Amino acid sequence: MKKQQGFTLIELVVVIVILGILAVTAAPKFMNLQNDARNASLQGLKGAIQGAAGIVYGKAAINGVESSNTATEVDGIKTIFGYPTASSTGIALAVKGLESGSTEWAPVNGSTGGEDAGDSISYTLKNQADKASDTKCSVTYTAATSAAAATVVVHDCE
């Protein structure tokens, strides 16, 4: 009958060292997943805002108010130059989830935007509202001006 032997202490130490090296090289790839998820959510919000603004502009064009330089209502949404204004009565009503009391999105630092051409408002994830800024971890919607359509810019989380 053959006597069974286990691993030697040196073999166990070598295996633990190799696993440690693998963990150190692989860990950074998994640690940044939260920022990647936040950035993907911001990109999704950008697409939703752009789509809603385009639909509102189409309705404004049908109503003949796409060139109005004063706040005009289209289906209850305030528009300027045919695009939603950068306010709670404009873009926030056009995009589901941006309205007051939303459980997903919030204006950055409680900003309210405005109803004039060129005004802007920034949104971020609700749990990031106090940490975000207009230039970090947010989506900024800028109302149309006579020379340019409304714009949406994403500021990635770091």
Protein backbone atom coordinates (compact mmCIF):
# COMPACT_ATOMS: atom_id res chain seq x y z
CA MET A 1 0.00 0.00 0.00
CA LYS A 2 1.32 3.38 -1.06
CA LYS A 3 1.48 6.19 1.47
CA GLN A 4 -0.40 9.34 0.35
CA GLN A 5 1.29 12.69 0.64
CA GLY A 6 -0.18 16.22 0.48
CA PHE A 7 1.30 19.33 -1.07
CA THR A 8 4.46 20.71 0.39
CA LEU A 9 4.47 24.13 2.00
CA ILE A 10 6.55 25.54 -0.85
CA GLU A 11 4.05 24.35 -3.47
CA LEU A 12 1.18 25.97 -1.56
CA VAL A 13 3.07 29.28 -1.24
CA VAL A 14 3.85 29.28 -4.97
CA VAL A 15 0.16 28.74 -5.84
CA ILE A 16 -0.91 31.54 -3.47
CA VAL A 17 1.66 33.93 -4.98
CA ILE A 18 0.46 33.14 -8.53
CA LEU A 19 -3.19 33.71 -7.50
CA GLY A 20 -2.18 37.01 -5.89
CA ILE A 21 -0.46 38.19 -9.06
CA LEU A 22 -3.52 37.29 -11.13
CA ALA A 23 -5.83 39.11 -8.70
CA VAL A 24 -3.71 42.27 -8.79
CA THR A 25 -3.73 42.37 -12.60
CA ALA A 26 -7.44 41.55 -12.99
CA ALA A 27 -8.94 43.63 -10.16
CA PRO A 28 -8.64 47.08 -11.80
CA LYS A 29 -10.71 45.90 -14.73
CA PHE A 30 -13.62 45.09 -12.43
CA MET A 31 -13.30 48.02 -10.04
CA ASN A 32 -14.35 50.66 -12.60
CA LEU A 33 -17.61 48.98 -13.59
CA GLN A 34 -19.75 51.46 -11.61
CA ASN A 35 -18.46 54.44 -13.59
CA ASP A 36 -18.92 52.53 -16.83
CA ALA A 37 -22.53 51.78 -15.87
CA ARG A 38 -23.17 55.42 -14.93
CA ASN A 39 -21.67 56.64 -18.20
CA ALA A 40 -23.82 54.18 -20.16
CA SER A 41 -26.91 55.46 -18.33
CA LEU A 42 -25.96 59.05 -19.19
CA GLN A 43 -25.57 58.08 -22.85
CA GLY A 44 -29.05 56.51 -22.71
CA LEU A 45 -30.48 59.71 -21.25
CA LYS A 46 -28.79 61.72 -24.01
CA GLY A 47 -30.51 59.55 -26.62
CA ALA A 48 -33.88 59.91 -24.88
CA ILE A 49 -33.53 63.70 -24.73
CA GLN A 50 -32.50 63.93 -28.39
CA GLY A 51 -35.39 61.72 -29.46
CA ALA A 52 -37.95 63.65 -27.41
CA ALA A 53 -36.63 67.00 -28.66
CA GLY A 54 -36.92 65.78 -32.25
CA ILE A 55 -40.50 64.62 -31.74
CA VAL A 56 -41.48 67.92 -30.10
CA TYR A 57 -39.83 69.81 -32.95
CA GLY A 58 -41.87 67.78 -35.45
CA LYS A 59 -45.09 68.66 -33.59
CA ALA A 60 -44.04 72.32 -33.47
CA ALA A 61 -43.41 72.28 -37.22
CA ILE A 62 -46.85 70.81 -37.84
CA ASN A 63 -48.36 73.58 -35.70
CA GLY A 64 -46.26 76.21 -37.51
CA VAL A 65 -44.43 77.48 -34.41
CA GLU A 66 -40.95 76.07 -35.13
CA SER A 67 -39.53 79.54 -35.73
CA SER A 68 -41.11 81.26 -32.71
CA ASN A 69 -38.51 83.07 -30.60
CA THR A 70 -40.78 83.23 -27.55
CA ALA A 71 -41.87 80.33 -25.34
CA THR A 72 -44.81 78.63 -27.06
CA GLU A 73 -46.74 75.57 -25.87
CA VAL A 74 -46.96 72.46 -28.01
CA ASP A 75 -49.07 69.71 -26.42
CA GLY A 76 -48.40 71.22 -22.98
CA ILE A 77 -44.62 71.42 -23.51
CA LYS A 78 -43.03 74.87 -23.69
CA THR A 79 -40.87 75.29 -26.77
CA ILE A 80 -38.53 77.88 -28.20
CA PHE A 81 -37.64 77.74 -31.90
CA GLY A 82 -39.62 74.48 -31.96
CA TYR A 83 -37.48 72.65 -29.39
CA PRO A 84 -38.37 72.16 -25.71
CA THR A 85 -37.14 74.86 -23.34
CA ALA A 86 -34.48 73.95 -20.80
CA SER A 87 -36.90 73.86 -17.87
CA SER A 88 -39.31 71.73 -15.89
CA THR A 89 -42.12 72.83 -18.26
CA GLY A 90 -40.05 72.02 -21.35
CA ILE A 91 -37.59 69.15 -21.68
CA ALA A 92 -38.55 67.66 -18.30
CA LEU A 93 -42.12 67.13 -19.56
CA ALA A 94 -40.95 65.82 -22.94
CA VAL A 95 -38.78 63.04 -21.46
CA LYS A 96 -40.42 60.51 -19.17
CA GLY A 97 -38.34 60.23 -16.01
CA LEU A 98 -37.11 63.82 -15.88
CA GLU A 99 -40.27 65.24 -14.34
CA SER A 100 -40.27 66.53 -10.77
CA GLY A 101 -40.22 63.71 -8.23
CA SER A 102 -38.50 61.25 -10.58
CA THR A 103 -36.89 58.26 -8.90
CA GLU A 104 -34.11 57.98 -11.51
CA TRP A 105 -32.91 61.43 -12.57
CA ALA A 106 -32.49 64.81 -10.87
CA PRO A 107 -31.30 68.25 -11.93
CA VAL A 108 -27.68 68.86 -10.98
CA ASN A 109 -27.49 70.82 -7.70
CA GLY A 110 -31.19 71.67 -7.98
CA SER A 111 -30.75 73.77 -11.14
CA THR A 112 -33.99 74.83 -12.80
CA GLY A 113 -32.79 75.95 -16.23
CA GLY A 114 -34.82 78.59 -18.04
CA GLU A 115 -37.32 79.27 -20.79
CA ASP A 116 -35.18 81.52 -22.97
CA ALA A 117 -33.17 80.62 -26.06
CA GLY A 118 -29.74 79.24 -25.15
CA ASP A 119 -30.64 78.44 -21.52
CA SER A 120 -29.40 75.07 -20.28
CA ILE A 121 -30.17 72.51 -17.60
CA SER A 122 -28.11 69.52 -16.46
CA TYR A 123 -29.40 66.17 -15.19
CA THR A 124 -27.65 63.34 -13.40
CA LEU A 125 -28.54 60.10 -11.64
CA LYS A 126 -30.69 60.80 -8.59
CA ASN A 127 -28.14 59.32 -6.16
CA GLN A 128 -25.38 61.48 -7.72
CA ALA A 129 -27.22 64.83 -7.70
CA ASP A 130 -25.22 66.29 -4.81
CA LYS A 131 -21.86 65.00 -6.15
CA ALA A 132 -22.23 65.87 -9.83
CA SER A 133 -21.51 69.19 -11.51
CA ASP A 134 -22.45 70.75 -14.83
CA THR A 135 -19.17 69.43 -16.22
CA LYS A 136 -18.93 66.03 -14.54
CA CYS A 137 -21.29 63.03 -14.42
CA SER A 138 -24.20 64.81 -16.07
CA VAL A 139 -26.14 65.40 -19.28
CA THR A 140 -26.60 69.06 -20.27
CA TYR A 141 -29.49 70.13 -22.49
CA THR A 142 -29.19 73.56 -24.09
CA ALA A 143 -32.31 75.09 -25.63
CA ALA A 144 -32.30 76.11 -29.26
CA THR A 145 -31.25 79.55 -30.46
CA SER A 146 -32.19 81.20 -33.72
CA ALA A 147 -28.91 80.01 -35.22
CA ALA A 148 -28.72 76.48 -33.79
CA ALA A 149 -30.91 73.58 -32.78
CA ALA A 150 -31.03 72.31 -29.20
CA THR A 151 -27.92 70.45 -28.12
CA VAL A 152 -27.29 67.63 -25.66
CA VAL A 153 -23.83 67.01 -24.19
CA VAL A 154 -22.72 64.16 -21.92
CA HIS A 155 -20.11 64.81 -19.25
CA ASP A 156 -18.74 61.39 -18.24
CA CYS A 157 -18.27 60.30 -14.65
CA GLU A 158 -14.67 59.92 -13.54
